[in-house]
Amino acid sequence: MTIVSMDLSIVIPTFNEKNNVRLLTSRIMTILNRENCLYEIVFVDDSIDDTPKVLEQLCHEFSCVKYLHRENERGLASAVVMGFYHSQGIQVIVMDADLQHPPELIPLILKRLLQADIVIPSRFVPGGSDGGLNLFRKLISRVARGIGCISIKKLRPISDSTSGYFALKRSVISHAHLDPIGWKILIEILVKGKYRTVHEIPYSFVARGAGQSKMSIKEQFNYLRHMARLISNSPDDRKFYSFCVIGTLGVFVNLFCLHIFLKLFDMGELSCSINSSCIAMIHNFLWNNNVTWREYKSRVLWKRMIQFPQFSLICGLGIGITTLFAQIFLFLGWNIYAGQLLGISVSMIWNFLANSRWTWPVVYNEINREDDQPIVTQELPSKVSWN
């Protein structure tokens, strides 16, 4: 049997979209029949209405249309992953079936895939719009993007990491273990995929014409679970949160020691502040060395020996920052605990950035060389054309 190499696969997850799939197929075929490429349209369907009957008819009418119906599975992201596995295209475009993603943008997407590994039509670059969302969904989308950008380093340069409309070269996911939860598969790909360049194209999100939105509280909860799983599986991102947790524990150690010194020992307030910070520094180093940066420990003895002095010098400046805030609050007649707490917060940020750069730099850079931030470019609005 001869295996035909497919240029393009369009993967479309569906759930109760019987009124949209035929029109969407027609629009896609009209556009792609003008392009010199061999393509397939792959629907992955979880519907409980008559959508499978419509898809069955489309498959009989057009050889380029395929569909898979799942009986006991649900979830947009997992449907897309199944579509990846059952498609053959060298390039893959993912889009929704609700007609909110304009297929007229496909020719431009294909052109940009010649230079980029991933192409994302974005609502949030100049020239784009999310006008097709109501106010509530705009708020949900904004919060979801914000959580992603704060939580995961690789998502920060991407303006629309929660987009359901994107394209990629198959090589991006060929060796990635995709195991998403819920509705945002692009985030999973951006975190786990192998790519170097991302290009964003502005587009206007179209208002839904038929059917109902699949957004629910359950999907929002699944999104948070998904983010937590991605963070736990990412040493780089996990390191930051581990440092924050240990730093928070160090805050309690610091404040507890300050209280003990002030109440039980005949020490000046300045000495109490410095000593409590020193104890918290030792506490934080031991935990960070054995938890936060445990994967990055150098096997060279002398490098490991100088890590504590480096950590101490960096945190020493942090102690100076904390003490300065405490003294400023005392001078102003304010509460010393509040000054100590503010100083701790500022010094924690300094400590993390400085220790990441200087205390564990060689091993850290060697391990994460392949995880450098992608090169992200954006399309100028004047260049975007659907013709």
Protein backbone atom coordinates (compact mmCIF):
# COMPACT_ATOMS: atom_id res chain seq x y z
CA MET A 1 0.00 0.00 0.00
CA THR A 2 1.32 3.42 -0.90
CA ILE A 3 1.26 5.96 1.91
CA VAL A 4 0.50 9.43 0.59
CA SER A 5 2.30 12.25 2.34
CA MET A 6 -0.27 14.76 3.56
CA ASP A 7 0.68 18.45 3.50
CA LEU A 8 -1.92 19.72 5.95
CA SER A 9 -4.29 18.37 8.56
CA ILE A 10 -6.99 20.53 10.10
CA VAL A 11 -8.05 19.10 13.46
CA ILE A 12 -11.45 20.23 14.73
CA PRO A 13 -12.92 19.03 18.06
CA THR A 14 -16.73 19.05 18.12
CA PHE A 15 -19.41 18.77 20.76
CA ASN A 16 -23.02 19.29 19.64
CA GLU A 17 -22.16 21.41 16.59
CA LYS A 18 -24.58 19.90 14.05
CA ASN A 19 -25.56 23.35 12.76
CA ASN A 20 -21.99 24.47 12.14
CA VAL A 21 -19.87 21.59 10.81
CA ARG A 22 -21.23 21.56 7.26
CA LEU A 23 -20.81 25.30 6.78
CA LEU A 24 -17.34 25.21 8.31
CA THR A 25 -16.29 22.33 6.04
CA SER A 26 -17.56 24.20 2.99
CA ARG A 27 -15.63 27.33 3.89
CA ILE A 28 -12.42 25.42 4.55
CA MET A 29 -12.67 23.45 1.31
CA THR A 30 -13.40 26.58 -0.73
CA ILE A 31 -10.22 28.15 0.65
CA LEU A 32 -7.92 25.14 0.44
CA ASN A 33 -9.01 24.06 -3.01
CA ARG A 34 -7.33 27.25 -4.21
CA GLU A 35 -4.11 26.24 -2.48
CA ASN A 36 -1.66 23.80 -4.01
CA CYS A 37 -1.64 21.32 -1.13
CA LEU A 38 -2.99 17.93 -0.16
CA TYR A 39 -5.14 18.30 2.95
CA GLU A 40 -7.51 16.52 5.27
CA ILE A 41 -10.14 17.76 7.72
CA VAL A 42 -10.26 15.63 10.86
CA PHE A 43 -13.23 16.03 13.22
CA VAL A 44 -12.96 14.49 16.68
CA ASP A 45 -16.50 14.35 18.02
CA ASP A 46 -17.89 13.95 21.54
CA SER A 47 -21.44 14.95 20.64
CA ILE A 48 -24.65 13.61 22.10
CA ASP A 49 -26.85 15.23 19.43
CA ASP A 50 -27.05 14.56 15.66
CA THR A 51 -23.58 15.91 14.90
CA PRO A 52 -22.18 12.40 14.15
CA LYS A 53 -24.87 11.90 11.48
CA VAL A 54 -23.88 15.15 9.78
CA LEU A 55 -20.19 14.22 9.96
CA GLU A 56 -20.94 10.77 8.52
CA GLN A 57 -22.67 12.41 5.57
CA LEU A 58 -19.72 14.74 5.04
CA CYS A 59 -17.32 11.79 5.02
CA HIS A 60 -19.35 10.09 2.28
CA GLU A 61 -19.51 13.27 0.24
CA PHE A 62 -15.88 14.36 0.54
CA SER A 63 -12.84 12.09 0.71
CA CYS A 64 -10.84 14.78 2.51
CA VAL A 65 -13.17 14.70 5.53
CA LYS A 66 -12.63 12.21 8.36
CA TYR A 67 -14.21 11.94 11.76
CA LEU A 68 -13.75 10.02 14.98
CA HIS A 69 -16.60 9.71 17.45
CA ARG A 70 -15.75 9.13 21.12
CA GLU A 71 -18.39 7.47 23.26
CA ASN A 72 -16.94 7.58 26.76
CA GLU A 73 -14.52 10.48 26.61
CA ARG A 74 -14.98 14.21 26.93
CA GLY A 75 -12.71 17.22 26.74
CA LEU A 76 -11.60 19.58 24.02
CA ALA A 77 -7.88 19.24 24.67
CA SER A 78 -7.88 15.43 24.70
CA ALA A 79 -9.95 15.47 21.50
CA VAL A 80 -7.29 17.58 19.81
CA VAL A 81 -4.57 15.18 20.94
CA MET A 82 -6.51 12.28 19.46
CA GLY A 83 -6.79 14.30 16.27
CA PHE A 84 -3.01 14.68 16.23
CA TYR A 85 -2.55 10.93 16.49
CA HIS A 86 -5.06 10.15 13.71
CA SER A 87 -3.94 12.81 11.26
CA GLN A 88 -1.10 12.64 8.74
CA GLY A 89 -0.29 16.23 7.81
CA ILE A 90 3.22 17.61 8.01
CA GLN A 91 1.54 20.79 9.18
CA VAL A 92 -1.43 20.88 11.56
CA ILE A 93 -4.02 23.56 12.15
CA VAL A 94 -6.35 23.38 15.16
CA MET A 95 -9.58 25.35 15.22
CA ASP A 96 -13.02 25.25 16.83
CA ALA A 97 -16.16 24.16 15.04
CA ASP A 98 -18.31 27.07 16.22
CA LEU A 99 -17.27 29.41 13.34
CA GLN A 100 -15.64 31.84 15.76
CA HIS A 101 -12.26 31.07 14.19
CA PRO A 102 -12.25 32.46 10.63
CA PRO A 103 -10.93 29.82 8.19
CA GLU A 104 -10.16 32.62 5.72
CA LEU A 105 -6.97 33.17 7.71
CA ILE A 106 -5.61 29.71 6.76
CA PRO A 107 -3.63 30.79 3.65
CA LEU A 108 -1.69 33.36 5.68
CA ILE A 109 -1.14 30.83 8.46
CA LEU A 110 0.37 28.39 5.97
CA LYS A 111 2.70 31.06 4.61
CA ARG A 112 3.94 31.93 8.08
CA LEU A 113 4.49 28.27 8.93
CA LEU A 114 7.24 28.28 6.32
CA GLN A 115 9.34 30.40 8.70
CA ALA A 116 7.89 29.66 12.16
CA ASP A 117 7.42 26.45 14.12
CA ILE A 118 4.12 27.61 15.66
CA VAL A 119 1.68 30.20 14.33
CA ILE A 120 -0.99 31.63 16.64
CA PRO A 121 -3.84 33.85 15.44
CA SER A 122 -4.04 36.24 18.39
CA ARG A 123 -6.82 38.43 19.67
CA PHE A 124 -4.42 40.55 21.69
CA VAL A 125 -1.80 41.88 19.30
CA PRO A 126 -2.35 45.17 17.40
CA GLY A 127 -5.11 44.58 14.88
CA GLY A 128 -6.72 41.72 16.81
CA SER A 129 -9.99 41.72 18.74
CA ASP A 130 -11.88 39.52 21.19
CA GLY A 131 -15.19 41.23 20.39
CA GLY A 132 -16.87 37.86 19.89
CA LEU A 133 -16.74 37.22 23.64
CA ASN A 134 -19.24 38.57 26.14
CA LEU A 135 -17.95 40.50 29.18
CA PHE A 136 -17.99 37.48 31.47
CA ARG A 137 -16.00 35.31 29.07
CA LYS A 138 -13.58 38.18 28.43
CA LEU A 139 -12.94 38.32 32.16
CA ILE A 140 -12.48 34.54 32.38
CA SER A 141 -10.11 34.58 29.41
CA ARG A 142 -8.08 37.45 30.85
CA VAL A 143 -7.74 35.75 34.23
CA ALA A 144 -6.74 32.45 32.58
CA ARG A 145 -4.05 34.15 30.49
CA GLY A 146 -2.81 36.04 33.52
CA ILE A 147 -2.49 32.88 35.58
CA GLY A 148 -0.59 31.20 32.76
CA CYS A 149 1.83 34.09 32.25
CA ILE A 150 2.55 34.43 35.96
CA SER A 151 2.90 30.69 36.51
CA ILE A 152 4.93 29.48 33.52
CA LYS A 153 7.94 31.20 32.03
CA LYS A 154 7.45 29.95 28.47
CA LEU A 155 4.00 31.51 28.25
CA ARG A 156 5.06 35.04 29.16
CA PRO A 157 6.06 36.30 25.70
CA ILE A 158 2.90 34.83 24.09
CA SER A 159 -0.04 37.27 23.93
CA ASP A 160 -2.75 34.62 23.43
CA SER A 161 -1.54 31.40 25.03
CA THR A 162 -5.13 30.25 25.67
CA SER A 163 -6.13 30.48 22.01
CA GLY A 164 -8.00 27.55 20.50
CA TYR A 165 -6.89 28.57 17.00
CA PHE A 166 -3.26 27.77 16.16
CA ALA A 167 -0.99 25.93 13.75
CA LEU A 168 2.25 24.02 14.08
CA LYS A 169 4.74 21.83 12.31
CA ARG A 170 4.28 18.21 13.34
CA SER A 171 7.88 18.07 14.51
CA VAL A 172 6.86 20.33 17.42
CA ILE A 173 4.78 17.55 19.00
CA SER A 174 6.31 14.42 17.49
CA HIS A 175 8.21 13.57 20.69
CA ALA A 176 6.04 15.39 23.23
CA HIS A 177 3.95 13.47 25.75
CA LEU A 178 0.70 15.43 25.66
CA ASP A 179 -1.62 14.68 28.53
CA PRO A 180 -3.84 17.76 28.94
CA ILE A 181 -6.77 18.40 31.25
CA GLY A 182 -9.75 20.41 30.10
CA TRP A 183 -9.86 22.89 27.28
CA LYS A 184 -6.48 24.60 26.69
CA ILE A 185 -4.25 22.32 24.61
CA LEU A 186 -2.07 25.15 23.27
CA ILE A 187 -0.59 25.77 26.71
CA GLU A 188 0.40 22.09 26.93
CA ILE A 189 2.10 22.33 23.52
CA LEU A 190 3.92 25.56 24.38
CA VAL A 191 5.28 23.97 27.56
CA LYS A 192 6.13 20.49 26.26
CA GLY A 193 6.67 20.95 22.52
CA LYS A 194 10.02 21.23 20.76
CA TYR A 195 10.15 24.55 18.94
CA ARG A 196 12.19 27.69 18.61
CA THR A 197 10.01 30.27 16.88
CA VAL A 198 6.43 31.44 17.40
CA HIS A 199 4.64 33.92 15.14
CA GLU A 200 1.42 35.69 16.12
CA ILE A 201 -1.15 36.96 13.62
CA PRO A 202 -3.90 39.40 14.65
CA TYR A 203 -7.46 38.25 14.08
CA SER A 204 -10.94 39.17 15.25
CA PHE A 205 -12.75 36.57 17.30
CA VAL A 206 -16.20 36.17 15.71
CA ALA A 207 -19.42 36.02 17.72
CA ARG A 208 -20.99 32.54 17.87
CA GLY A 209 -23.83 32.13 15.39
CA ALA A 210 -25.28 28.76 16.39
CA GLY A 211 -24.95 26.31 19.27
CA GLN A 212 -23.97 27.04 22.86
CA SER A 213 -20.68 27.83 24.56
CA LYS A 214 -19.04 24.89 26.33
CA MET A 215 -17.56 27.11 29.06
CA SER A 216 -18.33 25.91 32.60
CA ILE A 217 -17.08 26.14 36.18
CA LYS A 218 -15.77 22.59 35.82
CA GLU A 219 -13.61 23.61 32.86
CA GLN A 220 -12.18 26.52 34.86
CA PHE A 221 -11.29 24.13 37.67
CA ASN A 222 -9.71 21.76 35.14
CA TYR A 223 -7.65 24.66 33.82
CA LEU A 224 -6.23 25.31 37.29
CA ARG A 225 -5.47 21.60 37.70
CA HIS A 226 -3.76 21.65 34.31
CA MET A 227 -1.59 24.62 35.29
CA ALA A 228 -0.62 22.95 38.57
CA ARG A 229 0.39 19.79 36.74
CA LEU A 230 2.49 21.68 34.19
CA ILE A 231 4.26 23.60 36.94
CA SER A 232 4.99 20.41 38.89
CA ASN A 233 6.51 18.84 35.76
CA SER A 234 8.64 21.88 34.89
CA PRO A 235 11.85 22.11 36.96
CA ASP A 236 12.42 25.71 35.94
CA ASP A 237 8.97 26.92 36.99
CA ARG A 238 8.77 24.59 39.97
CA LYS A 239 12.01 26.08 41.27
CA PHE A 240 10.47 29.52 41.62
CA TYR A 241 7.44 28.27 43.54
CA SER A 242 9.56 26.09 45.75
CA PHE A 243 11.72 29.09 46.56
CA CYS A 244 8.61 31.13 47.39
CA VAL A 245 7.22 28.44 49.70
CA ILE A 246 10.54 28.09 51.50
CA GLY A 247 10.83 31.86 51.67
CA THR A 248 7.36 32.04 53.20
CA LEU A 249 8.36 29.49 55.83
CA GLY A 250 11.46 31.60 56.39
CA VAL A 251 9.21 34.60 57.05
CA PHE A 252 7.57 32.78 59.94
CA VAL A 253 10.96 31.64 61.24
CA ASN A 254 12.22 35.22 61.00
CA LEU A 255 9.24 36.78 62.75
CA PHE A 256 9.14 34.04 65.39
CA CYS A 257 12.81 34.53 66.19
CA LEU A 258 12.36 38.30 66.28
CA HIS A 259 9.55 37.87 68.80
CA ILE A 260 11.62 35.51 70.96
CA PHE A 261 14.64 37.81 70.95
CA LEU A 262 12.56 40.87 71.80
CA LYS A 263 10.63 39.18 74.62
CA LEU A 264 13.14 36.80 76.20
CA PHE A 265 16.59 38.31 75.66
CA ASP A 266 18.11 41.58 76.71
CA MET A 267 19.02 42.62 73.19
CA GLY A 268 18.58 45.82 71.24
CA GLU A 269 15.99 45.98 68.53
CA LEU A 270 18.64 46.23 65.81
CA SER A 271 20.43 43.11 67.08
CA CYS A 272 17.12 41.25 67.31
CA SER A 273 16.33 42.09 63.69
CA ILE A 274 19.78 41.02 62.41
CA ASN A 275 19.93 37.76 64.38
CA SER A 276 16.45 36.66 63.43
CA SER A 277 17.26 37.30 59.77
CA CYS A 278 20.49 35.27 60.04
CA ILE A 279 18.64 32.26 61.46
CA ALA A 280 16.04 32.51 58.70
CA MET A 281 18.86 32.69 56.12
CA ILE A 282 20.39 29.42 57.35
CA HIS A 283 16.95 27.80 57.33
CA ASN A 284 16.32 28.94 53.75
CA PHE A 285 19.70 27.79 52.44
CA LEU A 286 19.35 24.27 53.80
CA TRP A 287 15.89 23.86 52.27
CA ASN A 288 16.74 25.50 48.95
CA ASN A 289 19.94 23.52 48.56
CA ASN A 290 18.17 20.22 49.14
CA VAL A 291 14.78 20.94 47.54
CA THR A 292 14.68 23.93 45.20
CA TRP A 293 18.01 23.38 43.47
CA ARG A 294 18.50 19.71 44.17
CA GLU A 295 18.64 18.89 40.42
CA TYR A 296 21.27 21.56 39.87
CA LYS A 297 23.87 20.54 42.42
CA SER A 298 27.34 20.52 41.01
CA ARG A 299 29.40 17.35 41.29
CA VAL A 300 32.54 19.43 41.70
CA LEU A 301 33.33 19.66 45.42
CA TRP A 302 34.84 23.14 45.45
CA LYS A 303 31.85 24.58 43.59
CA ARG A 304 29.51 23.11 46.17
CA MET A 305 31.69 24.46 48.98
CA ILE A 306 31.40 28.04 47.78
CA GLN A 307 27.63 27.92 47.31
CA PHE A 308 26.87 28.64 50.94
CA PRO A 309 29.25 31.63 51.11
CA GLN A 310 27.69 32.95 47.88
CA PHE A 311 24.21 32.39 49.27
CA SER A 312 25.26 34.08 52.52
CA LEU A 313 26.66 37.14 50.75
CA ILE A 314 23.54 37.54 48.64
CA CYS A 315 21.24 37.01 51.58
CA GLY A 316 23.46 39.28 53.66
CA LEU A 317 22.46 42.11 51.39
CA GLY A 318 18.89 40.87 51.76
CA ILE A 319 19.30 41.10 55.54
CA GLY A 320 20.57 44.65 55.08
CA ILE A 321 17.47 45.46 53.05
CA THR A 322 15.22 43.93 55.71
CA THR A 323 17.01 45.75 58.51
CA LEU A 324 16.82 49.05 56.62
CA PHE A 325 13.06 48.75 56.33
CA ALA A 326 12.74 47.83 60.00
CA GLN A 327 14.81 50.86 61.02
CA ILE A 328 12.88 53.19 58.73
CA PHE A 329 9.62 52.04 60.31
CA LEU A 330 11.08 52.54 63.80
CA PHE A 331 12.33 56.01 62.89
CA LEU A 332 8.87 56.93 61.63
CA GLY A 333 7.26 55.53 64.77
CA TRP A 334 5.57 52.70 62.93
CA ASN A 335 5.32 49.02 63.86
CA ILE A 336 8.65 47.17 63.62
CA TYR A 337 6.91 43.93 62.60
CA ALA A 338 5.36 45.64 59.59
CA GLY A 339 8.76 47.05 58.60
CA GLN A 340 10.40 43.66 59.01
CA LEU A 341 7.69 42.00 56.90
CA LEU A 342 8.03 44.53 54.07
CA GLY A 343 11.81 44.22 54.14
CA ILE A 344 11.52 40.44 53.99
CA SER A 345 9.30 40.66 50.89
CA VAL A 346 11.72 42.93 49.03
CA SER A 347 14.76 40.89 50.03
CA MET A 348 13.06 37.64 48.95
CA ILE A 349 12.79 38.91 45.38
CA TRP A 350 16.43 39.99 45.43
CA ASN A 351 17.55 36.67 46.89
CA PHE A 352 15.80 34.57 44.25
CA LEU A 353 17.05 36.56 41.27
CA ALA A 354 20.61 36.83 42.55
CA ASN A 355 20.92 33.18 43.61
CA SER A 356 19.53 32.00 40.29
CA ARG A 357 22.15 34.06 38.50
CA TRP A 358 25.23 33.57 40.70
CA THR A 359 24.93 30.75 43.25
CA TRP A 360 23.91 27.98 40.85
CA PRO A 361 24.64 29.52 37.41
CA VAL A 362 26.82 26.92 35.65
CA VAL A 363 24.76 23.83 36.40
CA TYR A 364 21.50 25.73 35.95
CA ASN A 365 22.44 26.96 32.49
CA GLU A 366 23.74 23.56 31.35
CA ILE A 367 20.53 21.76 32.34
CA ASN A 368 18.15 24.34 30.90
CA ARG A 369 19.98 25.16 27.68
CA GLU A 370 17.21 23.51 25.63
CA ASP A 371 14.51 25.38 27.56
CA ASP A 372 15.47 28.89 26.48
CA GLN A 373 12.63 31.25 25.77
CA PRO A 374 11.27 30.98 22.22
CA ILE A 375 11.66 33.75 19.68
CA VAL A 376 8.22 35.36 19.37
CA THR A 377 7.33 37.67 16.49
CA GLN A 378 4.10 39.46 15.67
CA GLU A 379 2.46 40.28 12.37
CA LEU A 380 1.95 43.91 11.48
CA PRO A 381 -1.81 44.57 11.11
CA SER A 382 -1.36 46.06 7.64
CA LYS A 383 0.04 42.77 6.36
CA VAL A 384 -2.88 40.62 7.47
CA SER A 385 -5.17 39.71 4.60
CA TRP A 386 -7.83 37.05 4.23
CA ASN A 387 -7.83 37.29 0.44
